[in-house]
Amino acid sequence: MMHFHSCYTGNDCLLKVPDHVENVRMCRGRKFIHTEETTNLSMDALDSIQIETTYDLTGTYIYSDKPITVIVGSRNVTNGDVIAHTVEQLVPSSHWGTEFVLKNLGTSGYGDIIKMVSSWSNTTVKMNGYNSFEMTTERQTTVKRLDQGHWTYIKASNPIQVNIRRS
C-alpha cells in the first residue's frame, strides 16, 4: 500500500510502478483507477491518493513538481502468531544517505528485514557481517536479514534508501 497527498493546488505528479507489478488499484476520493502503466496525476490542495496491489511496490518512481508526503505500509504482515500492520513515511530521494547503522532489537528469533533501494546504477554497498555487493541499476532493490541481537554498519558509494521491517 502507498498513500500520498499534496498541500498545494495544481501539483502535477508522475507515478511509475516497477515492471513486475501488475493490477494496481488507485483510490482517489470515491474514484477507483486500475492501471499497469505510468500514470500522470494532477492534485489539488489536500488531495490524497491511495495505491494498492498484492505486489511489492519497492522501486516505484514518483515525481512531483511540488512537495508531497508519501506514506507506505503493509496490512496483515504475519510473524508466527502475530499479525501486524506497518506504516512509515518515505524520505525524498534528495535526502537519501550513504551511511547507516542498524541494530536488531531482538523482538523475535527470525530477525529484521532490511530493504535497500539504489538511487544510481553501479552503487557498491558494504555491510558489516555481509559480503560487499553491487546494485547495478537505478532503483534496484536488495533485501537482507539482520539476525536477532546483531547490528550492521552500511556504507554505500552512492545514496541509497534503507528501510527496516521489525519482526
Protein backbone atom coordinates (compact mmCIF):
# COMPACT_ATOMS: atom_id res chain seq x y z
CA MET A 1 0.00 0.00 0.00
CA MET A 2 1.20 3.51 -0.76
CA HIS A 3 -0.57 6.72 0.16
CA PHE A 4 0.46 10.24 -0.86
CA HIS A 5 -1.08 13.66 -0.50
CA SER A 6 -0.46 17.25 -1.53
CA CYS A 7 -0.62 20.56 0.30
CA TYR A 8 -0.63 22.61 -2.91
CA THR A 9 -3.12 23.26 -5.71
CA GLY A 10 -2.06 22.37 -9.25
CA ASN A 11 0.50 19.78 -8.18
CA ASP A 12 1.42 17.57 -11.14
CA CYS A 13 2.66 14.09 -10.22
CA LEU A 14 4.08 11.23 -12.27
CA LEU A 15 3.78 7.68 -10.93
CA LYS A 16 5.67 4.73 -12.47
CA VAL A 17 5.43 1.36 -10.76
CA PRO A 18 8.15 -1.28 -11.34
CA ASP A 19 7.73 -3.54 -14.39
CA HIS A 20 6.93 -6.66 -12.32
CA VAL A 21 3.89 -5.01 -10.69
CA GLU A 22 0.51 -5.84 -12.22
CA ASN A 23 -3.02 -4.75 -11.43
CA VAL A 24 -2.50 -1.56 -9.45
CA ARG A 25 -5.61 -0.01 -7.93
CA MET A 26 -5.61 3.70 -7.08
CA CYS A 27 -8.28 5.26 -4.92
CA ARG A 28 -8.84 8.99 -5.15
CA GLY A 29 -11.85 10.07 -3.14
CA ARG A 30 -14.62 7.80 -4.41
CA LYS A 31 -12.98 7.14 -7.78
CA PHE A 32 -11.01 3.95 -8.43
CA ILE A 33 -8.42 3.67 -11.22
CA HIS A 34 -6.86 0.39 -12.38
CA THR A 35 -3.54 0.73 -14.17
CA GLU A 36 -0.36 -1.14 -15.10
CA GLU A 37 1.49 1.75 -16.70
CA THR A 38 2.92 5.18 -16.00
CA THR A 39 0.19 7.45 -14.68
CA ASN A 40 0.10 11.24 -14.69
CA LEU A 41 -1.93 12.78 -11.90
CA SER A 42 -2.91 16.34 -11.10
CA MET A 43 -3.52 17.01 -7.41
CA ASP A 44 -5.13 19.93 -5.61
CA ALA A 45 -4.53 21.07 -2.04
CA LEU A 46 -5.32 18.33 0.50
CA ASP A 47 -5.88 15.69 -2.23
CA SER A 48 -4.80 12.20 -1.31
CA ILE A 49 -4.33 9.09 -3.41
CA GLN A 50 -4.03 5.54 -2.13
CA ILE A 51 -2.38 2.84 -4.23
CA GLU A 52 -2.96 -0.84 -3.51
CA THR A 53 -1.65 -4.02 -5.05
CA THR A 54 -0.63 -7.50 -3.93
CA TYR A 55 2.84 -6.83 -5.39
CA ASP A 56 5.81 -5.20 -3.67
CA LEU A 57 5.85 -1.51 -4.68
CA THR A 58 9.51 -1.03 -3.76
CA GLY A 59 11.19 0.85 -6.60
CA THR A 60 8.10 2.83 -7.56
CA TYR A 61 9.12 6.16 -9.10
CA ILE A 62 7.14 9.21 -8.00
CA TYR A 63 7.88 12.66 -9.32
CA SER A 64 6.08 15.78 -8.16
CA ASP A 65 6.63 19.41 -9.12
CA LYS A 66 5.62 20.47 -5.58
CA PRO A 67 6.20 18.82 -2.17
CA ILE A 68 4.11 15.76 -1.33
CA THR A 69 4.10 13.28 1.52
CA VAL A 70 4.46 9.58 0.71
CA ILE A 71 3.46 7.01 3.31
CA VAL A 72 3.90 3.29 2.66
CA GLY A 73 2.81 0.21 4.55
CA SER A 74 1.56 -3.34 4.59
CA ARG A 75 -1.51 -4.93 6.07
CA ASN A 76 -1.65 -8.28 7.80
CA VAL A 77 2.09 -8.96 7.94
CA THR A 78 2.42 -12.23 9.85
CA ASN A 79 5.28 -13.30 12.08
CA GLY A 80 4.41 -16.51 13.83
CA ASP A 81 1.19 -15.89 15.75
CA VAL A 82 1.45 -12.10 15.47
CA ILE A 83 -0.38 -10.15 12.74
CA ALA A 84 0.84 -6.60 12.35
CA HIS A 85 0.46 -3.56 10.13
CA THR A 86 3.47 -1.48 9.11
CA VAL A 87 3.40 2.19 8.15
CA GLU A 88 6.23 4.65 7.52
CA GLN A 89 6.82 7.96 5.78
CA LEU A 90 9.40 7.85 3.00
CA VAL A 91 12.27 10.30 2.76
CA PRO A 92 12.66 12.15 -0.58
CA SER A 93 15.46 10.72 -2.73
CA SER A 94 17.28 14.06 -2.44
CA HIS A 95 17.82 13.16 1.25
CA TRP A 96 18.89 9.51 0.91
CA GLY A 97 22.18 8.68 2.60
CA THR A 98 25.39 6.74 2.18
CA GLU A 99 26.00 5.62 5.79
CA PHE A 100 23.65 3.83 8.19
CA VAL A 101 23.86 1.90 11.45
CA LEU A 102 21.10 -0.64 12.15
CA LYS A 103 20.52 -2.90 15.15
CA ASN A 104 18.07 -5.73 15.53
CA LEU A 105 16.04 -5.04 18.66
CA GLY A 106 15.52 -8.74 19.34
CA THR A 107 11.73 -8.83 19.28
CA SER A 108 11.66 -12.24 17.56
CA GLY A 109 14.02 -15.05 16.74
CA TYR A 110 13.69 -14.56 12.98
CA GLY A 111 15.45 -11.23 12.61
CA ASP A 112 14.59 -7.97 10.91
CA ILE A 113 14.32 -7.39 7.15
CA ILE A 114 16.46 -4.62 5.64
CA LYS A 115 15.40 -3.24 2.25
CA MET A 116 17.80 -1.04 0.30
CA VAL A 117 17.00 0.88 -2.90
CA SER A 118 19.70 2.46 -5.06
CA SER A 119 19.45 5.96 -6.45
CA TRP A 120 22.19 5.40 -9.04
CA SER A 121 23.43 2.45 -11.07
CA ASN A 122 26.73 0.81 -10.11
CA THR A 123 26.37 1.51 -6.38
CA THR A 124 28.73 -0.53 -4.19
CA VAL A 125 27.37 -1.40 -0.75
CA LYS A 126 29.49 -2.64 2.17
CA MET A 127 27.81 -4.03 5.28
CA ASN A 128 29.44 -5.38 8.44
CA GLY A 129 28.77 -9.13 8.58
CA TYR A 130 27.94 -9.43 4.85
CA ASN A 131 29.87 -9.65 1.60
CA SER A 132 30.06 -6.39 -0.36
CA PHE A 133 27.66 -6.23 -3.29
CA GLU A 134 26.89 -4.06 -6.30
CA MET A 135 23.50 -2.53 -7.05
CA THR A 136 23.90 -2.41 -10.82
CA THR A 137 20.76 -0.49 -11.84
CA GLU A 138 18.97 2.65 -10.71
CA ARG A 139 16.15 1.91 -8.22
CA GLN A 140 17.38 -1.66 -7.72
CA THR A 141 16.13 -3.30 -4.52
CA THR A 142 18.23 -5.58 -2.31
CA VAL A 143 16.90 -7.37 0.77
CA LYS A 144 18.98 -8.69 3.69
CA ARG A 145 18.05 -10.23 7.03
CA LEU A 146 19.57 -8.88 10.24
CA ASP A 147 19.58 -11.64 12.84
CA GLN A 148 18.38 -11.17 16.40
CA GLY A 149 20.87 -9.27 18.57
CA HIS A 150 23.11 -8.25 15.63
CA TRP A 151 23.93 -4.83 14.23
CA THR A 152 25.44 -3.66 10.95
CA TYR A 153 27.13 -0.58 9.56
CA ILE A 154 26.18 0.16 5.93
CA LYS A 155 28.34 2.30 3.63
CA ALA A 156 27.28 2.91 0.02
CA SER A 157 29.21 4.58 -2.82
CA ASN A 158 26.05 6.50 -3.86
CA PRO A 159 22.92 7.49 -1.90
CA ILE A 160 20.51 4.67 -1.04
CA GLN A 161 17.24 4.38 0.83
CA VAL A 162 17.28 1.94 3.76
CA ASN A 163 14.12 0.66 5.43
CA ILE A 164 13.93 -1.90 8.20
CA ARG A 165 10.92 -4.07 8.94
CA ARG A 166 10.92 -5.21 12.51
CA SER A 167 9.91 -8.83 13.06
